[in-house]
């Protein structure tokens, strides 16, 4: 999931946050995604505060978009983890 702004992404890299299947072991701060189908995911997943950068050339397509409620939950959790 992309968490950086478009202006930052123009430098050739994008900051992303991990999304993983909900069946895996839980991690503190996981945010269950309520509407996984809108996000283009086939099964229930969680957003996990594991950030990484990825070269834009490796991003092949947009899978979907988080619902407003899921986006707000991820934003709150990311803010709490960093600030």
PDB file of N, CA and C in Angstrom:
ATOM      1  N   UNK A   1       0.851  -1.157   0.000  1.00  0.00           N
ATOM      2  CA  UNK A   1       0.000   0.000   0.000  1.00  0.00           C
ATOM      3  C   UNK A   1       0.904   1.229   0.000  1.00  0.00           C
ATOM      4  N   UNK A   2       0.637   2.176  -0.855  1.00  0.00           N
ATOM      5  CA  UNK A   2       1.437   3.397  -0.959  1.00  0.00           C
ATOM      6  C   UNK A   2       1.065   4.355   0.161  1.00  0.00           C
ATOM      7  N   UNK A   3       2.075   4.858   0.868  1.00  0.00           N
ATOM      8  CA  UNK A   3       1.830   5.822   1.940  1.00  0.00           C
ATOM      9  C   UNK A   3       2.500   7.169   1.666  1.00  0.00           C
ATOM     10  N   UNK A   4       3.380   7.239   0.671  1.00  0.00           N
ATOM     11  CA  UNK A   4       4.033   8.513   0.370  1.00  0.00           C
ATOM     12  C   UNK A   4       3.186   9.322  -0.602  1.00  0.00           C
ATOM     13  N   UNK A   5       3.444  10.611  -0.628  1.00  0.00           N
ATOM     14  CA  UNK A   5       2.701  11.523  -1.499  1.00  0.00           C
ATOM     15  C   UNK A   5       3.285  11.492  -2.912  1.00  0.00           C
ATOM     16  N   UNK A   6       2.470  11.869  -3.892  1.00  0.00           N
ATOM     17  CA  UNK A   6       2.909  11.854  -5.293  1.00  0.00           C
ATOM     18  C   UNK A   6       4.169  12.680  -5.511  1.00  0.00           C
ATOM     19  N   UNK A   7       4.267  13.813  -4.825  1.00  0.00           N
ATOM     20  CA  UNK A   7       5.450  14.669  -4.986  1.00  0.00           C
ATOM     21  C   UNK A   7       6.724  13.917  -4.581  1.00  0.00           C
ATOM     22  N   UNK A   8       6.654  13.135  -3.510  1.00  0.00           N
ATOM     23  CA  UNK A   8       7.807  12.344  -3.085  1.00  0.00           C
ATOM     24  C   UNK A   8       8.105  11.238  -4.098  1.00  0.00           C
ATOM     25  N   UNK A   9       7.062  10.613  -4.622  1.00  0.00           N
ATOM     26  CA  UNK A   9       7.232   9.480  -5.527  1.00  0.00           C
ATOM     27  C   UNK A   9       7.920   9.866  -6.829  1.00  0.00           C
ATOM     28  N   UNK A  10       7.925  11.133  -7.157  1.00  0.00           N
ATOM     29  CA  UNK A  10       8.580  11.590  -8.385  1.00  0.00           C
ATOM     30  C   UNK A  10      10.095  11.403  -8.335  1.00  0.00           C
ATOM     31  N   UNK A  11      10.642  11.096  -7.157  1.00  0.00           N
ATOM     32  CA  UNK A  11      12.093  10.897  -7.050  1.00  0.00           C
ATOM     33  C   UNK A  11      12.508   9.512  -7.526  1.00  0.00           C
ATOM     34  N   UNK A  12      11.536   8.712  -7.974  1.00  0.00           N
ATOM     35  CA  UNK A  12      11.846   7.392  -8.512  1.00  0.00           C
ATOM     36  C   UNK A  12      11.588   6.257  -7.543  1.00  0.00           C
ATOM     37  N   UNK A  13      11.204   6.580  -6.322  1.00  0.00           N
ATOM     38  CA  UNK A  13      10.901   5.569  -5.314  1.00  0.00           C
ATOM     39  C   UNK A  13       9.604   5.926  -4.609  1.00  0.00           C
ATOM     40  N   UNK A  14       8.941   4.907  -4.067  1.00  0.00           N
ATOM     41  CA  UNK A  14       7.683   5.089  -3.370  1.00  0.00           C
ATOM     42  C   UNK A  14       7.766   4.403  -2.015  1.00  0.00           C
ATOM     43  N   UNK A  15       7.249   5.066  -0.978  1.00  0.00           N
ATOM     44  CA  UNK A  15       7.201   4.463   0.353  1.00  0.00           C
ATOM     45  C   UNK A  15       5.897   3.679   0.462  1.00  0.00           C
ATOM     46  N   UNK A  16       6.014   2.433   0.916  1.00  0.00           N
ATOM     47  CA  UNK A  16       4.855   1.556   0.997  1.00  0.00           C
ATOM     48  C   UNK A  16       4.762   0.933   2.386  1.00  0.00           C
ATOM     49  N   UNK A  17       3.555   0.483   2.722  1.00  0.00           N
ATOM     50  CA  UNK A  17       3.302  -0.223   3.974  1.00  0.00           C
ATOM     51  C   UNK A  17       2.836  -1.632   3.626  1.00  0.00           C
ATOM     52  N   UNK A  18       3.253  -2.584   4.426  1.00  0.00           N
ATOM     53  CA  UNK A  18       2.940  -3.993   4.192  1.00  0.00           C
ATOM     54  C   UNK A  18       1.456  -4.293   4.397  1.00  0.00           C
ATOM     55  N   UNK A  19       0.900  -5.090   3.485  1.00  0.00           N
ATOM     56  CA  UNK A  19      -0.421  -5.673   3.671  1.00  0.00           C
ATOM     57  C   UNK A  19      -0.210  -7.180   3.632  1.00  0.00           C
ATOM     58  N   UNK A  20      -0.759  -7.874   4.616  1.00  0.00           N
ATOM     59  CA  UNK A  20      -0.573  -9.321   4.703  1.00  0.00           C
ATOM     60  C   UNK A  20      -1.891 -10.001   5.025  1.00  0.00           C
ATOM     61  N   UNK A  21      -1.954 -11.284   4.750  1.00  0.00           N
ATOM     62  CA  UNK A  21      -3.207 -11.993   5.013  1.00  0.00           C
ATOM     63  C   UNK A  21      -3.493 -12.017   6.511  1.00  0.00           C
ATOM     64  N   UNK A  22      -4.742 -11.942   6.857  1.00  0.00           N
ATOM     65  CA  UNK A  22      -5.137 -11.892   8.263  1.00  0.00           C
ATOM     66  C   UNK A  22      -4.884 -13.216   8.971  1.00  0.00           C
ATOM     67  N   UNK A  23      -4.651 -14.296   8.227  1.00  0.00           N
ATOM     68  CA  UNK A  23      -4.420 -15.594   8.824  1.00  0.00           C
ATOM     69  C   UNK A  23      -3.044 -15.740   9.444  1.00  0.00           C
ATOM     70  N   UNK A  24      -2.136 -14.865   9.089  1.00  0.00           N
ATOM     71  CA  UNK A  24      -0.787 -14.933   9.645  1.00  0.00           C
ATOM     72  C   UNK A  24      -0.793 -14.450  11.093  1.00  0.00           C
ATOM     73  N   UNK A  25       0.311 -14.639  11.777  1.00  0.00           N
ATOM     74  CA  UNK A  25       0.391 -14.218  13.180  1.00  0.00           C
ATOM     75  C   UNK A  25       0.163 -12.718  13.307  1.00  0.00           C
ATOM     76  N   UNK A  26      -0.475 -12.337  14.389  1.00  0.00           N
ATOM     77  CA  UNK A  26      -0.795 -10.934  14.639  1.00  0.00           C
ATOM     78  C   UNK A  26       0.455 -10.181  15.087  1.00  0.00           C
ATOM     79  N   UNK A  27       0.470  -8.920  14.782  1.00  0.00           N
ATOM     80  CA  UNK A  27       1.558  -8.043  15.186  1.00  0.00           C
ATOM     81  C   UNK A  27       0.930  -6.810  15.837  1.00  0.00           C
ATOM     82  N   UNK A  28       1.572  -6.241  16.859  1.00  0.00           N
ATOM     83  CA  UNK A  28       1.000  -5.041  17.481  1.00  0.00           C
ATOM     84  C   UNK A  28       0.764  -3.952  16.436  1.00  0.00           C
ATOM     85  N   UNK A  29      -0.406  -3.360  16.485  1.00  0.00           N
ATOM     86  CA  UNK A  29      -0.711  -2.275  15.566  1.00  0.00           C
ATOM     87  C   UNK A  29      -1.313  -2.700  14.250  1.00  0.00           C
ATOM     88  N   UNK A  30      -1.558  -3.990  14.052  1.00  0.00           N
ATOM     89  CA  UNK A  30      -2.212  -4.421  12.818  1.00  0.00           C
ATOM     90  C   UNK A  30      -3.577  -3.746  12.690  1.00  0.00           C
ATOM     91  N   UNK A  31      -3.917  -3.333  11.482  1.00  0.00           N
ATOM     92  CA  UNK A  31      -5.230  -2.744  11.215  1.00  0.00           C
ATOM     93  C   UNK A  31      -5.976  -3.674  10.260  1.00  0.00           C
ATOM     94  N   UNK A  32      -7.006  -4.356  10.739  1.00  0.00           N
ATOM     95  CA  UNK A  32      -7.788  -5.220   9.843  1.00  0.00           C
ATOM     96  C   UNK A  32      -8.468  -4.370   8.764  1.00  0.00           C
ATOM     97  N   UNK A  33      -8.352  -4.781   7.531  1.00  0.00           N
ATOM     98  CA  UNK A  33      -9.007  -4.070   6.432  1.00  0.00           C
ATOM     99  C   UNK A  33     -10.417  -4.626   6.306  1.00  0.00           C
ATOM    100  N   UNK A  34     -11.399  -3.778   6.529  1.00  0.00           N
ATOM    101  CA  UNK A  34     -12.805  -4.204   6.548  1.00  0.00           C
ATOM    102  C   UNK A  34     -13.331  -4.515   5.155  1.00  0.00           C
ATOM    103  N   UNK A  35     -12.861  -3.760   4.160  1.00  0.00           N
ATOM    104  CA  UNK A  35     -13.375  -3.922   2.795  1.00  0.00           C
ATOM    105  C   UNK A  35     -12.221  -4.338   1.888  1.00  0.00           C
ATOM    106  N   UNK A  36     -11.814  -5.596   2.001  1.00  0.00           N
ATOM    107  CA  UNK A  36     -10.659  -6.054   1.232  1.00  0.00           C
ATOM    108  C   UNK A  36     -10.937  -6.109  -0.271  1.00  0.00           C
ATOM    109  N   UNK A  37     -12.186  -6.303  -0.666  1.00  0.00           N
ATOM    110  CA  UNK A  37     -12.480  -6.374  -2.097  1.00  0.00           C
ATOM    111  C   UNK A  37     -12.286  -5.010  -2.773  1.00  0.00           C
ATOM    112  N   UNK A  38     -12.635  -3.912  -2.104  1.00  0.00           N
ATOM    113  CA  UNK A  38     -12.427  -2.579  -2.672  1.00  0.00           C
ATOM    114  C   UNK A  38     -10.939  -2.306  -2.864  1.00  0.00           C
ATOM    115  N   UNK A  39     -10.127  -2.910  -1.995  1.00  0.00           N
ATOM    116  CA  UNK A  39      -8.681  -2.725  -2.080  1.00  0.00           C
ATOM    117  C   UNK A  39      -8.049  -3.649  -3.121  1.00  0.00           C
ATOM    118  N   UNK A  40      -8.865  -4.462  -3.791  1.00  0.00           N
ATOM    119  CA  UNK A  40      -8.349  -5.356  -4.811  1.00  0.00           C
ATOM    120  C   UNK A  40      -7.717  -6.616  -4.248  1.00  0.00           C
ATOM    121  N   UNK A  41      -8.100  -6.976  -3.024  1.00  0.00           N
ATOM    122  CA  UNK A  41      -7.529  -8.148  -2.363  1.00  0.00           C
ATOM    123  C   UNK A  41      -8.536  -9.290  -2.378  1.00  0.00           C
ATOM    124  N   UNK A  42      -8.054 -10.524  -2.501  1.00  0.00           N
ATOM    125  CA  UNK A  42      -8.929 -11.686  -2.607  1.00  0.00           C
ATOM    126  C   UNK A  42      -9.417 -12.214  -1.271  1.00  0.00           C
ATOM    127  N   UNK A  43      -8.728 -11.870  -0.191  1.00  0.00           N
ATOM    128  CA  UNK A  43      -9.107 -12.388   1.123  1.00  0.00           C
ATOM    129  C   UNK A  43      -8.892 -11.322   2.180  1.00  0.00           C
ATOM    130  N   UNK A  44      -9.380 -11.593   3.378  1.00  0.00           N
ATOM    131  CA  UNK A  44      -9.218 -10.650   4.489  1.00  0.00           C
ATOM    132  C   UNK A  44      -7.736 -10.424   4.761  1.00  0.00           C
ATOM    133  N   UNK A  45      -7.368  -9.169   4.985  1.00  0.00           N
ATOM    134  CA  UNK A  45      -5.973  -8.798   5.187  1.00  0.00           C
ATOM    135  C   UNK A  45      -5.857  -7.765   6.296  1.00  0.00           C
ATOM    136  N   UNK A  46      -4.622  -7.531   6.724  1.00  0.00           N
ATOM    137  CA  UNK A  46      -4.329  -6.466   7.673  1.00  0.00           C
ATOM    138  C   UNK A  46      -3.220  -5.595   7.112  1.00  0.00           C
ATOM    139  N   UNK A  47      -3.275  -4.314   7.460  1.00  0.00           N
ATOM    140  CA  UNK A  47      -2.174  -3.398   7.165  1.00  0.00           C
ATOM    141  C   UNK A  47      -1.240  -3.451   8.360  1.00  0.00           C
ATOM    142  N   UNK A  48       0.027  -3.648   8.111  1.00  0.00           N
ATOM    143  CA  UNK A  48       1.021  -3.811   9.174  1.00  0.00           C
ATOM    144  C   UNK A  48       2.072  -2.713   9.031  1.00  0.00           C
ATOM    145  N   UNK A  49       2.419  -2.079  10.141  1.00  0.00           N
ATOM    146  CA  UNK A  49       3.391  -0.987  10.099  1.00  0.00           C
ATOM    147  C   UNK A  49       4.792  -1.561   9.878  1.00  0.00           C
ATOM    148  N   UNK A  50       5.033  -1.957   8.643  1.00  0.00           N
ATOM    149  CA  UNK A  50       6.360  -2.342   8.159  1.00  0.00           C
ATOM    150  C   UNK A  50       6.528  -1.549   6.871  1.00  0.00           C
ATOM    151  N   UNK A  51       7.320  -0.518   6.938  1.00  0.00           N
ATOM    152  CA  UNK A  51       7.490   0.387   5.810  1.00  0.00           C
ATOM    153  C   UNK A  51       8.723   0.012   5.001  1.00  0.00           C
ATOM    154  N   UNK A  52       8.636   0.273   3.699  1.00  0.00           N
ATOM    155  CA  UNK A  52       9.769   0.016   2.810  1.00  0.00           C
ATOM    156  C   UNK A  52       9.656   0.941   1.609  1.00  0.00           C
ATOM    157  N   UNK A  53      10.761   1.121   0.902  1.00  0.00           N
ATOM    158  CA  UNK A  53      10.718   1.880  -0.341  1.00  0.00           C
ATOM    159  C   UNK A  53      10.859   0.903  -1.495  1.00  0.00           C
ATOM    160  N   UNK A  54      10.238   1.258  -2.595  1.00  0.00           N
ATOM    161  CA  UNK A  54      10.269   0.413  -3.775  1.00  0.00           C
ATOM    162  C   UNK A  54      10.530   1.291  -4.988  1.00  0.00           C
ATOM    163  N   UNK A  55      11.426   0.845  -5.852  1.00  0.00           N
ATOM    164  CA  UNK A  55      11.704   1.534  -7.100  1.00  0.00           C
ATOM    165  C   UNK A  55      10.418   1.573  -7.917  1.00  0.00           C
ATOM    166  N   UNK A  56      10.047   2.736  -8.403  1.00  0.00           N
ATOM    167  CA  UNK A  56       8.789   2.892  -9.143  1.00  0.00           C
ATOM    168  C   UNK A  56       8.702   1.977 -10.363  1.00  0.00           C
ATOM    169  N   UNK A  57       9.831   1.595 -10.935  1.00  0.00           N
ATOM    170  CA  UNK A  57       9.809   0.718 -12.107  1.00  0.00           C
ATOM    171  C   UNK A  57       9.276  -0.672 -11.761  1.00  0.00           C
ATOM    172  N   UNK A  58       9.258  -1.021 -10.474  1.00  0.00           N
ATOM    173  CA  UNK A  58       8.776  -2.341 -10.053  1.00  0.00           C
ATOM    174  C   UNK A  58       7.280  -2.350  -9.728  1.00  0.00           C
ATOM    175  N   UNK A  59       6.656  -1.184  -9.722  1.00  0.00           N
ATOM    176  CA  UNK A  59       5.209  -1.098  -9.476  1.00  0.00           C
ATOM    177  C   UNK A  59       4.516  -1.309 -10.817  1.00  0.00           C
ATOM    178  N   UNK A  60       3.814  -2.420 -10.947  1.00  0.00           N
ATOM    179  CA  UNK A  60       3.243  -2.806 -12.233  1.00  0.00           C
ATOM    180  C   UNK A  60       1.827  -2.309 -12.460  1.00  0.00           C
ATOM    181  N   UNK A  61       1.029  -2.250 -11.381  1.00  0.00           N
ATOM    182  CA  UNK A  61      -0.366  -1.839 -11.554  1.00  0.00           C
ATOM    183  C   UNK A  61      -0.949  -1.427 -10.210  1.00  0.00           C
ATOM    184  N   UNK A  62      -2.102  -0.791 -10.289  1.00  0.00           N
ATOM    185  CA  UNK A  62      -2.864  -0.438  -9.102  1.00  0.00           C
ATOM    186  C   UNK A  62      -3.870  -1.555  -8.865  1.00  0.00           C
ATOM    187  N   UNK A  63      -3.855  -2.135  -7.677  1.00  0.00           N
ATOM    188  CA  UNK A  63      -4.746  -3.258  -7.384  1.00  0.00           C
ATOM    189  C   UNK A  63      -6.135  -2.795  -6.977  1.00  0.00           C
ATOM    190  N   UNK A  64      -6.229  -1.700  -6.246  1.00  0.00           N
ATOM    191  CA  UNK A  64      -7.504  -1.200  -5.754  1.00  0.00           C
ATOM    192  C   UNK A  64      -7.278   0.014  -4.883  1.00  0.00           C
ATOM    193  N   UNK A  65      -8.251   0.331  -4.077  1.00  0.00           N
ATOM    194  CA  UNK A  65      -8.168   1.505  -3.218  1.00  0.00           C
ATOM    195  C   UNK A  65      -8.829   1.178  -1.877  1.00  0.00           C
ATOM    196  N   UNK A  66      -8.187   1.601  -0.792  1.00  0.00           N
ATOM    197  CA  UNK A  66      -8.768   1.382   0.527  1.00  0.00           C
ATOM    198  C   UNK A  66     -10.041   2.203   0.673  1.00  0.00           C
ATOM    199  N   UNK A  67     -11.006   1.637   1.369  1.00  0.00           N
ATOM    200  CA  UNK A  67     -12.230   2.380   1.669  1.00  0.00           C
ATOM    201  C   UNK A  67     -11.867   3.541   2.590  1.00  0.00           C
ATOM    202  N   UNK A  68     -12.694   4.578   2.650  1.00  0.00           N
ATOM    203  CA  UNK A  68     -12.393   5.708   3.542  1.00  0.00           C
ATOM    204  C   UNK A  68     -12.197   5.276   5.000  1.00  0.00           C
ATOM    205  N   UNK A  69     -12.993   4.329   5.483  1.00  0.00           N
ATOM    206  CA  UNK A  69     -12.845   3.870   6.867  1.00  0.00           C
ATOM    207  C   UNK A  69     -11.514   3.147   7.067  1.00  0.00           C
ATOM    208  N   UNK A  70     -11.143   2.288   6.125  1.00  0.00           N
ATOM    209  CA  UNK A  70      -9.862   1.583   6.233  1.00  0.00           C
ATOM    210  C   UNK A  70      -8.694   2.561   6.134  1.00  0.00           C
ATOM    211  N   UNK A  71      -8.798   3.524   5.231  1.00  0.00           N
ATOM    212  CA  UNK A  71      -7.743   4.522   5.059  1.00  0.00           C
ATOM    213  C   UNK A  71      -7.554   5.316   6.354  1.00  0.00           C
ATOM    214  N   UNK A  72      -8.650   5.683   7.001  1.00  0.00           N
ATOM    215  CA  UNK A  72      -8.564   6.442   8.254  1.00  0.00           C
ATOM    216  C   UNK A  72      -7.909   5.606   9.348  1.00  0.00           C
ATOM    217  N   UNK A  73      -8.257   4.327   9.445  1.00  0.00           N
ATOM    218  CA  UNK A  73      -7.656   3.456  10.446  1.00  0.00           C
ATOM    219  C   UNK A  73      -6.166   3.263  10.227  1.00  0.00           C
ATOM    220  N   UNK A  74      -5.772   3.072   8.981  1.00  0.00           N
ATOM    221  CA  UNK A  74      -4.350   2.911   8.664  1.00  0.00           C
ATOM    222  C   UNK A  74      -3.602   4.209   8.970  1.00  0.00           C
ATOM    223  N   UNK A  75      -4.189   5.344   8.611  1.00  0.00           N
ATOM    224  CA  UNK A  75      -3.541   6.630   8.866  1.00  0.00           C
ATOM    225  C   UNK A  75      -3.341   6.859  10.365  1.00  0.00           C
ATOM    226  N   UNK A  76      -4.368   6.586  11.169  1.00  0.00           N
ATOM    227  CA  UNK A  76      -4.245   6.737  12.635  1.00  0.00           C
ATOM    228  C   UNK A  76      -3.147   5.841  13.193  1.00  0.00           C
ATOM    229  N   UNK A  77      -3.131   4.587  12.755  1.00  0.00           N
ATOM    230  CA  UNK A  77      -2.160   3.630  13.253  1.00  0.00           C
ATOM    231  C   UNK A  77      -0.732   4.009  12.839  1.00  0.00           C
ATOM    232  N   UNK A  78      -0.568   4.429  11.615  1.00  0.00           N
ATOM    233  CA  UNK A  78       0.752   4.836  11.134  1.00  0.00           C
ATOM    234  C   UNK A  78       1.237   6.058  11.896  1.00  0.00           C
ATOM    235  N   UNK A  79       0.362   7.015  12.120  1.00  0.00           N
ATOM    236  CA  UNK A  79       0.712   8.218  12.866  1.00  0.00           C
ATOM    237  C   UNK A  79       1.109   7.853  14.307  1.00  0.00           C
ATOM    238  N   UNK A  80       0.344   6.969  14.944  1.00  0.00           N
ATOM    239  CA  UNK A  80       0.644   6.568  16.324  1.00  0.00           C
ATOM    240  C   UNK A  80       1.989   5.848  16.407  1.00  0.00           C
ATOM    241  N   UNK A  81       2.338   5.078  15.386  1.00  0.00           N
ATOM    242  CA  UNK A  81       3.587   4.326  15.403  1.00  0.00           C
ATOM    243  C   UNK A  81       4.809   5.216  15.180  1.00  0.00           C
ATOM    244  N   UNK A  82       4.635   6.291  14.414  1.00  0.00           N
ATOM    245  CA  UNK A  82       5.788   7.121  14.044  1.00  0.00           C
ATOM    246  C   UNK A  82       5.972   8.307  14.967  1.00  0.00           C
ATOM    247  N   UNK A  83       4.880   8.906  15.411  1.00  0.00           N
ATOM    248  CA  UNK A  83       4.975  10.129  16.213  1.00  0.00           C
ATOM    249  C   UNK A  83       5.076   9.814  17.687  1.00  0.00           C
TER     250      UNK A  83
END
